């Protein structure tokens, strides 16, 4: 569950100071720049790892050798702080990248309504991210966002393709999610 901690937009330095002051808590900027306290679930964590591994394996096949996969890295994109759950970013990015990730993945949690995630997708695209995945664990679906295109909702055996952004990447959406627990 997220708790609003600040309506004021923080600079990167102020955000890092907040994290240092409260190391036992997790914070994440919202689409509007407000800082919220996060409490990700076990499913969120499992999805983050699964998607990161899937993308890392794909990158390891020789695709886009100048890029790497990371999780929870704080980005400062023209004054908008964001922390994608998973991102494909230039390998030689700054410790706190100032360049938009090639791909940003946001996984819905109880504190992030769809409207908030869609606002984040728009902000990523405005700042140069080529592709955004919004992942919805409860419906085992995802929304694919690309600049200048209508969002696509994919689920089940629909195929998620990387297109020109992630050439050769192709996976059934059902493979993005861990098998259901009985």
C-alpha atoms as a PDB file:
ATOM      1  CA  UNK A   1       0.000   0.000   0.000  1.00  0.00           C
ATOM      2  CA  UNK A   2       1.313   3.451  -0.823  1.00  0.00           C
ATOM      3  CA  UNK A   3       1.228   6.373   1.527  1.00  0.00           C
ATOM      4  CA  UNK A   4       1.639   9.856   0.101  1.00  0.00           C
ATOM      5  CA  UNK A   5       4.746  11.316   1.675  1.00  0.00           C
ATOM      6  CA  UNK A   6       5.178  14.476  -0.336  1.00  0.00           C
ATOM      7  CA  UNK A   7       3.085  16.449  -2.773  1.00  0.00           C
ATOM      8  CA  UNK A   8       6.218  18.436  -3.622  1.00  0.00           C
ATOM      9  CA  UNK A   9       8.420  17.223  -6.457  1.00  0.00           C
ATOM     10  CA  UNK A  10      11.823  16.324  -5.101  1.00  0.00           C
ATOM     11  CA  UNK A  11      15.147  16.689  -6.847  1.00  0.00           C
ATOM     12  CA  UNK A  12      17.304  13.610  -7.263  1.00  0.00           C
ATOM     13  CA  UNK A  13      19.476  14.761  -4.334  1.00  0.00           C
ATOM     14  CA  UNK A  14      16.409  15.301  -2.088  1.00  0.00           C
ATOM     15  CA  UNK A  15      14.994  11.889  -3.054  1.00  0.00           C
ATOM     16  CA  UNK A  16      18.279  10.128  -2.251  1.00  0.00           C
ATOM     17  CA  UNK A  17      18.409  11.946   1.096  1.00  0.00           C
ATOM     18  CA  UNK A  18      14.878  10.734   1.863  1.00  0.00           C
ATOM     19  CA  UNK A  19      15.927   7.154   1.128  1.00  0.00           C
ATOM     20  CA  UNK A  20      19.018   7.548   3.342  1.00  0.00           C
ATOM     21  CA  UNK A  21      16.931   8.988   6.180  1.00  0.00           C
ATOM     22  CA  UNK A  22      14.506   6.028   6.078  1.00  0.00           C
ATOM     23  CA  UNK A  23      16.502   2.987   4.873  1.00  0.00           C
ATOM     24  CA  UNK A  24      13.849   0.544   6.127  1.00  0.00           C
ATOM     25  CA  UNK A  25      11.160   2.102   3.891  1.00  0.00           C
ATOM     26  CA  UNK A  26      10.693   2.102   0.110  1.00  0.00           C
ATOM     27  CA  UNK A  27       9.688   5.167  -1.857  1.00  0.00           C
ATOM     28  CA  UNK A  28       8.753   5.663  -5.472  1.00  0.00           C
ATOM     29  CA  UNK A  29       7.824   8.768  -7.461  1.00  0.00           C
ATOM     30  CA  UNK A  30       4.322   8.853  -8.925  1.00  0.00           C
ATOM     31  CA  UNK A  31       3.644  10.055 -12.461  1.00  0.00           C
ATOM     32  CA  UNK A  32       2.918  13.563 -11.171  1.00  0.00           C
ATOM     33  CA  UNK A  33       6.190  13.663  -9.229  1.00  0.00           C
ATOM     34  CA  UNK A  34       4.680  13.138  -5.767  1.00  0.00           C
ATOM     35  CA  UNK A  35       6.577  10.648  -3.613  1.00  0.00           C
ATOM     36  CA  UNK A  36       4.699   7.622  -2.315  1.00  0.00           C
ATOM     37  CA  UNK A  37       5.732   4.889   0.086  1.00  0.00           C
ATOM     38  CA  UNK A  38       5.596   1.446  -1.452  1.00  0.00           C
ATOM     39  CA  UNK A  39       5.067  -1.996  -0.049  1.00  0.00           C
ATOM     40  CA  UNK A  40       5.435  -4.410  -2.995  1.00  0.00           C
ATOM     41  CA  UNK A  41       3.878  -7.853  -2.711  1.00  0.00           C
ATOM     42  CA  UNK A  42       5.504 -11.233  -3.151  1.00  0.00           C
ATOM     43  CA  UNK A  43       3.870 -11.565  -6.603  1.00  0.00           C
ATOM     44  CA  UNK A  44       5.257  -8.156  -7.604  1.00  0.00           C
ATOM     45  CA  UNK A  45       8.737  -9.305  -6.611  1.00  0.00           C
ATOM     46  CA  UNK A  46       8.412 -12.619  -8.463  1.00  0.00           C
ATOM     47  CA  UNK A  47       7.201 -10.869 -11.625  1.00  0.00           C
ATOM     48  CA  UNK A  48       9.994  -8.323 -11.466  1.00  0.00           C
ATOM     49  CA  UNK A  49      12.596 -11.097 -11.257  1.00  0.00           C
ATOM     50  CA  UNK A  50      10.925 -13.201 -13.954  1.00  0.00           C
ATOM     51  CA  UNK A  51      10.656 -10.309 -16.436  1.00  0.00           C
ATOM     52  CA  UNK A  52      14.190  -9.141 -15.682  1.00  0.00           C
ATOM     53  CA  UNK A  53      15.587 -12.636 -16.265  1.00  0.00           C
ATOM     54  CA  UNK A  54      13.575 -13.075 -19.463  1.00  0.00           C
ATOM     55  CA  UNK A  55      14.905  -9.799 -20.849  1.00  0.00           C
ATOM     56  CA  UNK A  56      18.456 -10.471 -19.640  1.00  0.00           C
ATOM     57  CA  UNK A  57      18.438 -13.895 -21.333  1.00  0.00           C
ATOM     58  CA  UNK A  58      17.232 -12.257 -24.554  1.00  0.00           C
ATOM     59  CA  UNK A  59      19.936  -9.558 -24.367  1.00  0.00           C
ATOM     60  CA  UNK A  60      22.517 -12.301 -23.705  1.00  0.00           C
ATOM     61  CA  UNK A  61      21.723 -13.772 -27.108  1.00  0.00           C
ATOM     62  CA  UNK A  62      23.634 -10.873 -28.653  1.00  0.00           C
ATOM     63  CA  UNK A  63      20.782  -8.457 -29.186  1.00  0.00           C
ATOM     64  CA  UNK A  64      21.542  -4.807 -28.420  1.00  0.00           C
ATOM     65  CA  UNK A  65      24.954  -5.418 -26.832  1.00  0.00           C
ATOM     66  CA  UNK A  66      25.225  -1.817 -25.597  1.00  0.00           C
ATOM     67  CA  UNK A  67      22.186  -2.314 -23.310  1.00  0.00           C
ATOM     68  CA  UNK A  68      21.615  -4.072 -19.987  1.00  0.00           C
ATOM     69  CA  UNK A  69      18.633  -4.994 -17.820  1.00  0.00           C
ATOM     70  CA  UNK A  70      18.183  -3.507 -14.373  1.00  0.00           C
ATOM     71  CA  UNK A  71      15.538  -3.289 -11.689  1.00  0.00           C
ATOM     72  CA  UNK A  72      14.518  -0.445  -9.397  1.00  0.00           C
ATOM     73  CA  UNK A  73      17.100   2.042 -10.724  1.00  0.00           C
ATOM     74  CA  UNK A  74      16.304   5.681 -10.010  1.00  0.00           C
ATOM     75  CA  UNK A  75      16.222   7.756 -13.212  1.00  0.00           C
ATOM     76  CA  UNK A  76      16.171  11.545 -13.500  1.00  0.00           C
ATOM     77  CA  UNK A  77      14.539  12.263 -16.857  1.00  0.00           C
ATOM     78  CA  UNK A  78      14.516  16.022 -17.328  1.00  0.00           C
ATOM     79  CA  UNK A  79      13.520  16.587 -13.702  1.00  0.00           C
ATOM     80  CA  UNK A  80      11.006  13.723 -13.551  1.00  0.00           C
ATOM     81  CA  UNK A  81      12.197  11.083 -11.105  1.00  0.00           C
ATOM     82  CA  UNK A  82      11.090   7.569 -11.941  1.00  0.00           C
ATOM     83  CA  UNK A  83      12.023   4.093 -10.816  1.00  0.00           C
ATOM     84  CA  UNK A  84      10.901   1.499 -13.366  1.00  0.00           C
ATOM     85  CA  UNK A  85      10.375  -1.939 -11.879  1.00  0.00           C
ATOM     86  CA  UNK A  86      12.449  -3.319 -14.771  1.00  0.00           C
ATOM     87  CA  UNK A  87      14.255  -1.403 -17.500  1.00  0.00           C
ATOM     88  CA  UNK A  88      16.529  -1.937 -20.456  1.00  0.00           C
ATOM     89  CA  UNK A  89      19.047   0.874 -20.260  1.00  0.00           C
ATOM     90  CA  UNK A  90      22.333   1.758 -21.910  1.00  0.00           C
ATOM     91  CA  UNK A  91      25.044  -0.319 -20.197  1.00  0.00           C
ATOM     92  CA  UNK A  92      27.214   2.733 -19.606  1.00  0.00           C
ATOM     93  CA  UNK A  93      24.441   4.869 -18.112  1.00  0.00           C
ATOM     94  CA  UNK A  94      25.106   7.177 -15.177  1.00  0.00           C
ATOM     95  CA  UNK A  95      24.585   5.657 -11.715  1.00  0.00           C
ATOM     96  CA  UNK A  96      21.275   7.545 -11.781  1.00  0.00           C
ATOM     97  CA  UNK A  97      20.479   7.537 -15.505  1.00  0.00           C
ATOM     98  CA  UNK A  98      19.460  10.779 -17.142  1.00  0.00           C
ATOM     99  CA  UNK A  99      18.707   9.049 -20.430  1.00  0.00           C
ATOM    100  CA  UNK A 100      15.312   7.413 -20.919  1.00  0.00           C
ATOM    101  CA  UNK A 101      15.369   3.622 -20.814  1.00  0.00           C
ATOM    102  CA  UNK A 102      14.763   1.813 -24.093  1.00  0.00           C
ATOM    103  CA  UNK A 103      12.077  -0.241 -22.293  1.00  0.00           C
ATOM    104  CA  UNK A 104      10.374   0.561 -18.985  1.00  0.00           C
ATOM    105  CA  UNK A 105       8.258  -2.027 -17.190  1.00  0.00           C
ATOM    106  CA  UNK A 106       5.847  -1.065 -14.417  1.00  0.00           C
ATOM    107  CA  UNK A 107       4.095  -3.802 -12.443  1.00  0.00           C
ATOM    108  CA  UNK A 108       0.766  -2.864 -10.886  1.00  0.00           C
ATOM    109  CA  UNK A 109       0.538  -3.046  -7.136  1.00  0.00           C
ATOM    110  CA  UNK A 110      -2.368  -2.168  -4.846  1.00  0.00           C
ATOM    111  CA  UNK A 111      -1.054   1.380  -4.586  1.00  0.00           C
ATOM    112  CA  UNK A 112      -0.969   1.949  -8.356  1.00  0.00           C
ATOM    113  CA  UNK A 113      -4.340   2.217 -10.073  1.00  0.00           C
ATOM    114  CA  UNK A 114      -4.380   1.717 -13.836  1.00  0.00           C
ATOM    115  CA  UNK A 115      -4.778   5.457 -14.360  1.00  0.00           C
ATOM    116  CA  UNK A 116      -1.503   6.109 -12.482  1.00  0.00           C
ATOM    117  CA  UNK A 117       0.351   3.476 -14.498  1.00  0.00           C
ATOM    118  CA  UNK A 118      -0.996   4.868 -17.775  1.00  0.00           C
ATOM    119  CA  UNK A 119       0.111   8.358 -16.735  1.00  0.00           C
ATOM    120  CA  UNK A 120       3.581   6.947 -16.047  1.00  0.00           C
ATOM    121  CA  UNK A 121       3.631   5.260 -19.467  1.00  0.00           C
ATOM    122  CA  UNK A 122       2.826   8.595 -21.111  1.00  0.00           C
ATOM    123  CA  UNK A 123       5.618  10.332 -19.165  1.00  0.00           C
ATOM    124  CA  UNK A 124       8.159   7.671 -20.152  1.00  0.00           C
ATOM    125  CA  UNK A 125       7.187   7.986 -23.822  1.00  0.00           C
ATOM    126  CA  UNK A 126       7.307  11.810 -23.673  1.00  0.00           C
ATOM    127  CA  UNK A 127      10.881  11.567 -22.419  1.00  0.00           C
ATOM    128  CA  UNK A 128      12.113   9.165 -25.086  1.00  0.00           C
ATOM    129  CA  UNK A 129      11.399   5.651 -23.840  1.00  0.00           C
ATOM    130  CA  UNK A 130      10.570   3.553 -26.907  1.00  0.00           C
ATOM    131  CA  UNK A 131       8.343   0.954 -25.250  1.00  0.00           C
ATOM    132  CA  UNK A 132       6.511   0.600 -21.940  1.00  0.00           C
ATOM    133  CA  UNK A 133       4.931  -2.535 -20.516  1.00  0.00           C
ATOM    134  CA  UNK A 134       2.284  -2.136 -17.826  1.00  0.00           C
ATOM    135  CA  UNK A 135       1.916  -5.511 -16.142  1.00  0.00           C
ATOM    136  CA  UNK A 136      -1.307  -6.455 -14.334  1.00  0.00           C
ATOM    137  CA  UNK A 137      -0.800  -9.525 -12.107  1.00  0.00           C
ATOM    138  CA  UNK A 138      -4.461  -9.802 -11.083  1.00  0.00           C
ATOM    139  CA  UNK A 139      -5.657 -10.299 -14.687  1.00  0.00           C
ATOM    140  CA  UNK A 140      -2.415 -11.877 -15.967  1.00  0.00           C
ATOM    141  CA  UNK A 141      -2.342  -9.297 -18.748  1.00  0.00           C
ATOM    142  CA  UNK A 142      -0.203  -6.413 -19.876  1.00  0.00           C
ATOM    143  CA  UNK A 143      -0.570  -3.216 -21.824  1.00  0.00           C
ATOM    144  CA  UNK A 144       2.011  -2.442 -24.469  1.00  0.00           C
ATOM    145  CA  UNK A 145       2.616   1.280 -25.050  1.00  0.00           C
ATOM    146  CA  UNK A 146       4.657   2.763 -27.916  1.00  0.00           C
ATOM    147  CA  UNK A 147       4.971   6.395 -28.966  1.00  0.00           C
ATOM    148  CA  UNK A 148       2.392   7.408 -31.542  1.00  0.00           C
ATOM    149  CA  UNK A 149       0.441   4.130 -31.305  1.00  0.00           C
ATOM    150  CA  UNK A 150      -2.665   3.055 -29.454  1.00  0.00           C
ATOM    151  CA  UNK A 151      -1.991   0.900 -26.392  1.00  0.00           C
ATOM    152  CA  UNK A 152      -2.475  -2.835 -26.882  1.00  0.00           C
ATOM    153  CA  UNK A 153      -3.818  -5.114 -24.163  1.00  0.00           C
ATOM    154  CA  UNK A 154      -2.373  -8.614 -24.348  1.00  0.00           C
ATOM    155  CA  UNK A 155      -3.073 -11.736 -22.314  1.00  0.00           C
ATOM    156  CA  UNK A 156      -2.921 -15.518 -22.394  1.00  0.00           C
ATOM    157  CA  UNK A 157      -1.397 -16.850 -25.589  1.00  0.00           C
ATOM    158  CA  UNK A 158      -1.173 -13.413 -27.231  1.00  0.00           C
ATOM    159  CA  UNK A 159       2.363 -12.836 -28.446  1.00  0.00           C
ATOM    160  CA  UNK A 160       4.364  -9.947 -27.055  1.00  0.00           C
ATOM    161  CA  UNK A 161       6.787  -8.870 -29.762  1.00  0.00           C
ATOM    162  CA  UNK A 162       9.631  -6.408 -29.417  1.00  0.00           C
ATOM    163  CA  UNK A 163       9.278  -5.001 -32.930  1.00  0.00           C
ATOM    164  CA  UNK A 164      11.952  -2.487 -33.961  1.00  0.00           C
ATOM    165  CA  UNK A 165      12.662  -1.629 -30.301  1.00  0.00           C
ATOM    166  CA  UNK A 166      13.576  -5.158 -29.180  1.00  0.00           C
ATOM    167  CA  UNK A 167      14.263  -6.951 -32.481  1.00  0.00           C
ATOM    168  CA  UNK A 168      13.669 -10.678 -32.251  1.00  0.00           C
ATOM    169  CA  UNK A 169      12.100 -10.579 -28.778  1.00  0.00           C
ATOM    170  CA  UNK A 170       8.964 -12.699 -28.812  1.00  0.00           C
ATOM    171  CA  UNK A 171       7.107 -14.395 -25.952  1.00  0.00           C
ATOM    172  CA  UNK A 172       3.572 -15.528 -25.151  1.00  0.00           C
ATOM    173  CA  UNK A 173       2.131 -13.287 -22.453  1.00  0.00           C
ATOM    174  CA  UNK A 174       1.294 -16.362 -20.356  1.00  0.00           C
ATOM    175  CA  UNK A 175       5.067 -16.994 -20.057  1.00  0.00           C
ATOM    176  CA  UNK A 176       5.576 -13.592 -18.414  1.00  0.00           C
ATOM    177  CA  UNK A 177       3.605 -14.744 -15.368  1.00  0.00           C
ATOM    178  CA  UNK A 178       4.577 -17.543 -12.987  1.00  0.00           C
ATOM    179  CA  UNK A 179       2.295 -20.563 -13.111  1.00  0.00           C
ATOM    180  CA  UNK A 180      -0.803 -20.119 -10.919  1.00  0.00           C
ATOM    181  CA  UNK A 181      -0.542 -21.636  -7.433  1.00  0.00           C
ATOM    182  CA  UNK A 182      -3.205 -24.251  -6.766  1.00  0.00           C
END
